[in-house]
């Protein structure tokens, strides 16, 4: 059995990983994370390595990776060096998605910046002949 100082209860696991307690239980149920060890009273306990795994899982999820893809990646990681190339492929594909998302977000940011600049200019120099400009609004 692990030393108590090296284990964490589900509340602590939730705080460290950023996952809710319910999400941790759900991820255990669907096999995304291994079932936790239990104390004599039945309470879940997690090792530092399990917490680190939850944190990495959270990061993958934050990138928009689907749970089924995360599960596949985690399964491959248990296979050792033989699966490294496939894991690299999964991560490279996700990196491409992230780059595309960033590109789209930057385009949207430029549009929003343009609108803000336009509205600020309109506030400073209203064009009363502009049918879209109503100084009473």
N, C-alpha and C. Protein backbone atom coordinates (compact mmCIF):
# COMPACT_ATOMS: atom_id res chain seq x y z
N UNK A 1 0.85 -1.19 0.00
CA UNK A 1 0.00 0.00 0.00
C UNK A 1 0.89 1.24 0.00
N UNK A 2 0.43 2.27 -0.67
CA UNK A 2 1.20 3.50 -0.77
C UNK A 2 1.21 4.24 0.55
N UNK A 3 2.25 5.01 0.75
CA UNK A 3 2.35 5.88 1.92
C UNK A 3 1.24 6.93 1.82
N UNK A 4 0.55 7.22 2.93
CA UNK A 4 -0.58 8.15 2.93
C UNK A 4 -0.15 9.52 2.43
N UNK A 5 1.08 9.94 2.72
CA UNK A 5 1.53 11.27 2.29
C UNK A 5 1.67 11.36 0.77
N UNK A 6 1.70 10.22 0.09
CA UNK A 6 1.84 10.22 -1.36
C UNK A 6 0.50 10.04 -2.07
N UNK A 7 -0.57 10.04 -1.35
CA UNK A 7 -1.88 9.86 -1.97
C UNK A 7 -2.77 11.08 -1.72
N UNK A 8 -3.79 11.18 -2.56
CA UNK A 8 -4.69 12.32 -2.50
C UNK A 8 -6.12 11.82 -2.59
N UNK A 9 -7.03 12.47 -1.87
CA UNK A 9 -8.43 12.09 -1.98
C UNK A 9 -9.03 12.73 -3.24
N UNK A 10 -10.26 12.41 -3.53
CA UNK A 10 -10.87 12.88 -4.79
C UNK A 10 -11.01 14.41 -4.81
N UNK A 11 -11.24 15.01 -3.67
CA UNK A 11 -11.34 16.47 -3.62
C UNK A 11 -10.00 17.10 -3.99
N UNK A 12 -8.92 16.57 -3.44
CA UNK A 12 -7.59 17.08 -3.77
C UNK A 12 -7.26 16.81 -5.23
N UNK A 13 -7.61 15.63 -5.71
CA UNK A 13 -7.38 15.29 -7.12
C UNK A 13 -8.11 16.27 -8.02
N UNK A 14 -9.31 16.63 -7.63
CA UNK A 14 -10.10 17.59 -8.39
C UNK A 14 -9.42 18.95 -8.41
N UNK A 15 -8.95 19.39 -7.25
CA UNK A 15 -8.30 20.70 -7.16
C UNK A 15 -7.02 20.75 -8.00
N UNK A 16 -6.21 19.70 -7.93
CA UNK A 16 -4.95 19.68 -8.67
C UNK A 16 -5.16 19.53 -10.17
N UNK A 17 -6.12 18.71 -10.57
CA UNK A 17 -6.29 18.40 -11.99
C UNK A 17 -7.17 19.40 -12.73
N UNK A 18 -8.02 20.10 -11.99
CA UNK A 18 -8.97 21.00 -12.64
C UNK A 18 -10.24 20.30 -13.10
N UNK A 19 -10.33 19.00 -12.84
CA UNK A 19 -11.53 18.23 -13.18
C UNK A 19 -12.46 18.23 -11.98
N UNK A 20 -13.75 18.25 -12.22
CA UNK A 20 -14.69 18.13 -11.10
C UNK A 20 -14.65 16.69 -10.58
N UNK A 21 -15.11 16.52 -9.36
CA UNK A 21 -15.17 15.17 -8.78
C UNK A 21 -16.05 14.26 -9.63
N UNK A 22 -17.15 14.80 -10.11
CA UNK A 22 -18.06 14.01 -10.96
C UNK A 22 -17.37 13.60 -12.26
N UNK A 23 -16.58 14.49 -12.83
CA UNK A 23 -15.86 14.18 -14.07
C UNK A 23 -14.81 13.10 -13.82
N UNK A 24 -14.12 13.18 -12.71
CA UNK A 24 -13.14 12.14 -12.37
C UNK A 24 -13.84 10.79 -12.28
N UNK A 25 -14.97 10.75 -11.59
CA UNK A 25 -15.71 9.48 -11.48
C UNK A 25 -16.15 8.99 -12.86
N UNK A 26 -16.63 9.91 -13.69
CA UNK A 26 -17.08 9.55 -15.04
C UNK A 26 -15.91 9.02 -15.87
N UNK A 27 -14.79 9.70 -15.83
CA UNK A 27 -13.62 9.26 -16.58
C UNK A 27 -13.14 7.89 -16.12
N UNK A 28 -13.28 7.61 -14.83
CA UNK A 28 -12.96 6.26 -14.33
C UNK A 28 -13.93 5.25 -14.94
N UNK A 29 -15.20 5.61 -14.94
CA UNK A 29 -16.25 4.70 -15.43
C UNK A 29 -16.06 4.34 -16.90
N UNK A 30 -15.65 5.32 -17.72
CA UNK A 30 -15.50 5.05 -19.16
C UNK A 30 -14.08 4.59 -19.52
N UNK A 31 -13.22 4.47 -18.52
CA UNK A 31 -11.89 3.93 -18.76
C UNK A 31 -10.84 4.93 -19.22
N UNK A 32 -11.13 6.23 -19.10
CA UNK A 32 -10.13 7.23 -19.47
C UNK A 32 -9.01 7.30 -18.43
N UNK A 33 -9.37 7.08 -17.19
CA UNK A 33 -8.38 7.00 -16.13
C UNK A 33 -8.63 5.70 -15.37
N UNK A 34 -7.58 5.11 -14.82
CA UNK A 34 -7.78 3.84 -14.11
C UNK A 34 -8.59 4.07 -12.83
N UNK A 35 -9.29 3.03 -12.43
CA UNK A 35 -10.03 3.13 -11.17
C UNK A 35 -9.07 3.42 -10.04
N UNK A 36 -9.49 4.27 -9.15
CA UNK A 36 -8.66 4.65 -8.01
C UNK A 36 -8.58 3.51 -7.01
N UNK A 37 -7.47 3.49 -6.29
CA UNK A 37 -7.39 2.59 -5.14
C UNK A 37 -8.38 3.11 -4.10
N UNK A 38 -8.68 2.27 -3.15
CA UNK A 38 -9.65 2.67 -2.12
C UNK A 38 -9.05 2.50 -0.73
N UNK A 39 -9.42 3.40 0.15
CA UNK A 39 -9.09 3.24 1.56
C UNK A 39 -10.02 2.19 2.15
N UNK A 40 -9.77 1.82 3.38
CA UNK A 40 -10.60 0.83 4.05
C UNK A 40 -12.06 1.29 4.12
N UNK A 41 -12.27 2.61 4.22
CA UNK A 41 -13.64 3.14 4.29
C UNK A 41 -14.29 3.29 2.92
N UNK A 42 -13.58 2.91 1.85
CA UNK A 42 -14.14 2.96 0.51
C UNK A 42 -13.86 4.24 -0.25
N UNK A 43 -13.24 5.21 0.39
CA UNK A 43 -12.94 6.48 -0.28
C UNK A 43 -11.81 6.30 -1.28
N UNK A 44 -11.94 6.97 -2.41
CA UNK A 44 -10.93 6.90 -3.45
C UNK A 44 -9.64 7.58 -3.00
N UNK A 45 -8.50 7.01 -3.42
CA UNK A 45 -7.21 7.65 -3.21
C UNK A 45 -6.43 7.59 -4.52
N UNK A 46 -5.70 8.66 -4.80
CA UNK A 46 -4.97 8.80 -6.05
C UNK A 46 -3.50 9.07 -5.77
N UNK A 47 -2.66 8.50 -6.62
CA UNK A 47 -1.22 8.73 -6.50
C UNK A 47 -0.86 10.03 -7.23
N UNK A 48 0.34 10.49 -7.01
CA UNK A 48 0.83 11.67 -7.71
C UNK A 48 0.85 11.42 -9.22
N UNK A 49 1.25 10.22 -9.63
CA UNK A 49 1.26 9.90 -11.06
C UNK A 49 -0.14 9.93 -11.66
N UNK A 50 -1.14 9.47 -10.91
CA UNK A 50 -2.52 9.52 -11.40
C UNK A 50 -2.97 10.97 -11.56
N UNK A 51 -2.58 11.82 -10.62
CA UNK A 51 -2.94 13.25 -10.70
C UNK A 51 -2.28 13.87 -11.94
N UNK A 52 -1.00 13.56 -12.16
CA UNK A 52 -0.31 14.08 -13.35
C UNK A 52 -0.99 13.60 -14.62
N UNK A 53 -1.45 12.36 -14.63
CA UNK A 53 -2.18 11.85 -15.78
C UNK A 53 -3.47 12.60 -16.01
N UNK A 54 -4.18 12.92 -14.93
CA UNK A 54 -5.42 13.71 -15.05
C UNK A 54 -5.12 15.10 -15.59
N UNK A 55 -4.01 15.68 -15.15
CA UNK A 55 -3.65 17.02 -15.62
C UNK A 55 -3.34 17.00 -17.12
N UNK A 56 -2.62 15.97 -17.57
CA UNK A 56 -2.32 15.85 -18.99
C UNK A 56 -3.60 15.62 -19.79
N UNK A 57 -4.46 14.77 -19.28
CA UNK A 57 -5.75 14.51 -19.92
C UNK A 57 -6.53 15.83 -20.05
N UNK A 58 -6.52 16.64 -19.01
CA UNK A 58 -7.21 17.93 -19.02
C UNK A 58 -6.64 18.83 -20.11
N UNK A 59 -5.33 18.80 -20.26
CA UNK A 59 -4.70 19.63 -21.31
C UNK A 59 -5.10 19.16 -22.69
N UNK A 60 -5.12 17.85 -22.90
CA UNK A 60 -5.56 17.33 -24.20
C UNK A 60 -7.01 17.73 -24.47
N UNK A 61 -7.86 17.61 -23.46
CA UNK A 61 -9.27 17.97 -23.60
C UNK A 61 -9.41 19.45 -23.92
N UNK A 62 -8.60 20.28 -23.28
CA UNK A 62 -8.64 21.72 -23.51
C UNK A 62 -8.31 22.07 -24.97
N UNK A 63 -7.50 21.24 -25.61
CA UNK A 63 -7.16 21.49 -27.02
C UNK A 63 -8.29 21.09 -27.96
N UNK A 64 -9.34 20.51 -27.41
CA UNK A 64 -10.46 20.08 -28.25
C UNK A 64 -10.37 18.63 -28.67
N UNK A 65 -9.39 17.91 -28.16
CA UNK A 65 -9.26 16.50 -28.52
C UNK A 65 -10.48 15.74 -27.99
N UNK A 66 -11.03 14.89 -28.83
CA UNK A 66 -12.20 14.10 -28.44
C UNK A 66 -11.81 13.04 -27.42
N UNK A 67 -12.76 12.72 -26.55
CA UNK A 67 -12.50 11.72 -25.51
C UNK A 67 -12.06 10.38 -26.09
N UNK A 68 -12.66 9.99 -27.21
CA UNK A 68 -12.27 8.71 -27.81
C UNK A 68 -10.82 8.73 -28.30
N UNK A 69 -10.37 9.90 -28.80
CA UNK A 69 -8.97 10.03 -29.24
C UNK A 69 -8.02 10.04 -28.03
N UNK A 70 -8.45 10.69 -26.97
CA UNK A 70 -7.64 10.70 -25.74
C UNK A 70 -7.52 9.28 -25.21
N UNK A 71 -8.62 8.57 -25.23
CA UNK A 71 -8.60 7.19 -24.74
C UNK A 71 -7.65 6.33 -25.58
N UNK A 72 -7.70 6.51 -26.89
CA UNK A 72 -6.80 5.76 -27.78
C UNK A 72 -5.34 6.10 -27.45
N UNK A 73 -5.06 7.38 -27.31
CA UNK A 73 -3.70 7.82 -26.98
C UNK A 73 -3.24 7.19 -25.67
N UNK A 74 -4.10 7.22 -24.65
CA UNK A 74 -3.73 6.67 -23.35
C UNK A 74 -3.53 5.16 -23.42
N UNK A 75 -4.35 4.49 -24.21
CA UNK A 75 -4.17 3.04 -24.39
C UNK A 75 -2.81 2.75 -25.03
N UNK A 76 -2.47 3.54 -26.04
CA UNK A 76 -1.18 3.36 -26.71
C UNK A 76 -0.02 3.58 -25.74
N UNK A 77 -0.19 4.53 -24.82
CA UNK A 77 0.91 4.84 -23.90
C UNK A 77 1.21 3.67 -22.97
N UNK A 78 0.26 2.77 -22.81
CA UNK A 78 0.51 1.60 -21.95
C UNK A 78 1.26 0.50 -22.72
N UNK A 79 1.37 0.66 -24.02
CA UNK A 79 2.02 -0.35 -24.86
C UNK A 79 3.53 -0.18 -24.96
N UNK A 80 4.05 0.90 -24.38
CA UNK A 80 5.49 1.10 -24.38
C UNK A 80 6.02 1.66 -25.68
N UNK A 81 7.33 1.49 -25.89
CA UNK A 81 8.01 2.10 -27.03
C UNK A 81 7.46 1.70 -28.40
N UNK A 82 6.85 0.56 -28.51
CA UNK A 82 6.33 0.10 -29.80
C UNK A 82 5.25 1.03 -30.37
N UNK A 83 4.61 1.80 -29.50
CA UNK A 83 3.51 2.67 -29.96
C UNK A 83 3.91 4.14 -30.04
N UNK A 84 5.17 4.44 -29.86
CA UNK A 84 5.60 5.84 -29.85
C UNK A 84 5.26 6.55 -31.16
N UNK A 85 5.52 5.94 -32.28
CA UNK A 85 5.25 6.60 -33.56
C UNK A 85 3.77 6.93 -33.72
N UNK A 86 2.91 6.02 -33.33
CA UNK A 86 1.47 6.28 -33.42
C UNK A 86 1.05 7.41 -32.47
N UNK A 87 1.65 7.44 -31.28
CA UNK A 87 1.35 8.53 -30.34
C UNK A 87 1.81 9.87 -30.90
N UNK A 88 2.98 9.86 -31.54
CA UNK A 88 3.46 11.09 -32.17
C UNK A 88 2.48 11.54 -33.24
N UNK A 89 1.99 10.61 -34.03
CA UNK A 89 1.02 10.95 -35.10
C UNK A 89 -0.24 11.57 -34.52
N UNK A 90 -0.73 11.00 -33.45
CA UNK A 90 -1.94 11.55 -32.80
C UNK A 90 -1.68 12.97 -32.32
N UNK A 91 -0.55 13.18 -31.67
CA UNK A 91 -0.23 14.51 -31.15
C UNK A 91 0.03 15.51 -32.28
N UNK A 92 0.68 15.07 -33.36
CA UNK A 92 0.90 15.96 -34.50
C UNK A 92 -0.41 16.37 -35.16
N UNK A 93 -1.34 15.44 -35.26
CA UNK A 93 -2.66 15.75 -35.82
C UNK A 93 -3.39 16.77 -34.94
N UNK A 94 -3.29 16.58 -33.64
CA UNK A 94 -3.93 17.52 -32.72
C UNK A 94 -3.26 18.89 -32.80
N UNK A 95 -1.95 18.90 -32.96
CA UNK A 95 -1.22 20.16 -33.10
C UNK A 95 -1.71 20.92 -34.34
N UNK A 96 -1.96 20.21 -35.45
CA UNK A 96 -2.49 20.84 -36.66
C UNK A 96 -3.86 21.47 -36.38
N UNK A 97 -4.69 20.74 -35.64
CA UNK A 97 -6.02 21.28 -35.30
C UNK A 97 -5.89 22.55 -34.46
N UNK A 98 -4.96 22.51 -33.52
CA UNK A 98 -4.76 23.68 -32.66
C UNK A 98 -4.30 24.87 -33.49
N UNK A 99 -3.35 24.65 -34.41
CA UNK A 99 -2.87 25.74 -35.26
C UNK A 99 -4.01 26.33 -36.09
N UNK A 100 -4.87 25.47 -36.62
CA UNK A 100 -6.01 25.94 -37.38
C UNK A 100 -6.97 26.75 -36.49
N UNK A 101 -7.23 26.24 -35.29
CA UNK A 101 -8.10 26.97 -34.35
C UNK A 101 -7.52 28.34 -34.02
N UNK A 102 -6.21 28.39 -33.78
CA UNK A 102 -5.55 29.66 -33.47
C UNK A 102 -5.70 30.62 -34.65
N UNK A 103 -5.49 30.13 -35.85
CA UNK A 103 -5.62 30.95 -37.05
C UNK A 103 -7.03 31.54 -37.16
N UNK A 104 -8.02 30.69 -36.95
CA UNK A 104 -9.41 31.16 -37.02
C UNK A 104 -9.71 32.19 -35.92
N UNK A 105 -9.20 31.94 -34.73
CA UNK A 105 -9.41 32.89 -33.63
C UNK A 105 -8.72 34.23 -33.91
N UNK A 106 -7.54 34.20 -34.51
CA UNK A 106 -6.85 35.45 -34.85
C UNK A 106 -7.62 36.24 -35.90
N UNK A 107 -8.21 35.54 -36.87
CA UNK A 107 -9.04 36.22 -37.87
C UNK A 107 -10.24 36.88 -37.20
N UNK A 108 -10.87 36.16 -36.30
CA UNK A 108 -12.02 36.70 -35.59
C UNK A 108 -11.60 37.88 -34.72
N UNK A 109 -10.45 37.79 -34.10
CA UNK A 109 -9.95 38.89 -33.28
C UNK A 109 -9.73 40.14 -34.12
N UNK A 110 -9.19 39.98 -35.32
CA UNK A 110 -8.98 41.13 -36.21
C UNK A 110 -10.32 41.80 -36.57
N UNK A 111 -11.34 41.01 -36.81
CA UNK A 111 -12.66 41.56 -37.12
C UNK A 111 -13.19 42.33 -35.92
N UNK A 112 -13.05 41.75 -34.75
CA UNK A 112 -13.53 42.42 -33.53
C UNK A 112 -12.74 43.71 -33.29
N UNK A 113 -11.42 43.66 -33.47
CA UNK A 113 -10.61 44.87 -33.32
C UNK A 113 -11.07 45.95 -34.29
N UNK A 114 -11.35 45.56 -35.54
CA UNK A 114 -11.83 46.51 -36.54
C UNK A 114 -13.14 47.16 -36.07
N UNK A 115 -14.06 46.33 -35.58
CA UNK A 115 -15.36 46.85 -35.12
C UNK A 115 -15.18 47.82 -33.95
N UNK A 116 -14.34 47.44 -33.01
CA UNK A 116 -14.10 48.32 -31.85
C UNK A 116 -13.52 49.64 -32.32
N UNK A 117 -12.52 49.59 -33.20
CA UNK A 117 -11.92 50.82 -33.73
C UNK A 117 -12.97 51.65 -34.45
N UNK A 118 -13.79 51.01 -35.26
CA UNK A 118 -14.84 51.72 -36.00
C UNK A 118 -15.81 52.40 -35.03
N UNK A 119 -16.25 51.69 -34.01
CA UNK A 119 -17.19 52.28 -33.06
C UNK A 119 -16.55 53.42 -32.27
N UNK A 120 -15.30 53.25 -31.87
CA UNK A 120 -14.62 54.34 -31.17
C UNK A 120 -14.48 55.57 -32.06
N UNK A 121 -14.15 55.35 -33.33
CA UNK A 121 -14.06 56.46 -34.27
C UNK A 121 -15.42 57.13 -34.45
N UNK A 122 -16.47 56.33 -34.52
CA UNK A 122 -17.82 56.87 -34.67
C UNK A 122 -18.21 57.70 -33.45
N UNK A 123 -17.80 57.26 -32.27
CA UNK A 123 -18.09 58.05 -31.06
C UNK A 123 -17.36 59.39 -31.07
N UNK A 124 -16.13 59.38 -31.55
CA UNK A 124 -15.34 60.61 -31.58
C UNK A 124 -15.75 61.55 -32.72
N UNK A 125 -16.12 60.97 -33.87
CA UNK A 125 -16.44 61.76 -35.06
C UNK A 125 -17.70 61.21 -35.72
N UNK A 126 -18.85 61.45 -35.11
CA UNK A 126 -20.08 60.91 -35.72
C UNK A 126 -20.37 61.57 -37.07
N UNK A 127 -20.77 60.75 -38.00
CA UNK A 127 -21.17 61.24 -39.32
C UNK A 127 -22.69 61.30 -39.31
N UNK A 128 -23.23 62.49 -39.14
CA UNK A 128 -24.67 62.65 -39.02
C UNK A 128 -25.40 62.34 -40.32
N UNK A 129 -24.69 62.28 -41.45
CA UNK A 129 -25.31 61.94 -42.73
C UNK A 129 -25.39 60.43 -42.92
N UNK A 130 -24.71 59.68 -42.07
CA UNK A 130 -24.71 58.22 -42.16
C UNK A 130 -26.04 57.72 -41.61
N UNK A 131 -26.77 56.97 -42.44
CA UNK A 131 -28.09 56.48 -42.01
C UNK A 131 -27.98 55.48 -40.86
N UNK A 132 -26.81 54.90 -40.67
CA UNK A 132 -26.61 53.96 -39.57
C UNK A 132 -26.16 54.65 -38.28
N UNK A 133 -25.99 55.96 -38.37
CA UNK A 133 -25.49 56.71 -37.21
C UNK A 133 -26.62 57.52 -36.61
N UNK A 134 -27.05 57.16 -35.46
CA UNK A 134 -28.11 57.88 -34.77
C UNK A 134 -27.52 58.46 -33.48
N UNK A 135 -27.22 59.75 -33.44
CA UNK A 135 -26.58 60.32 -32.26
C UNK A 135 -27.45 60.28 -31.00
N UNK A 136 -28.72 59.95 -31.15
CA UNK A 136 -29.57 59.90 -29.97
C UNK A 136 -29.57 58.52 -29.32
N UNK A 137 -28.99 57.52 -29.96
CA UNK A 137 -28.97 56.17 -29.39
C UNK A 137 -27.86 56.01 -28.40
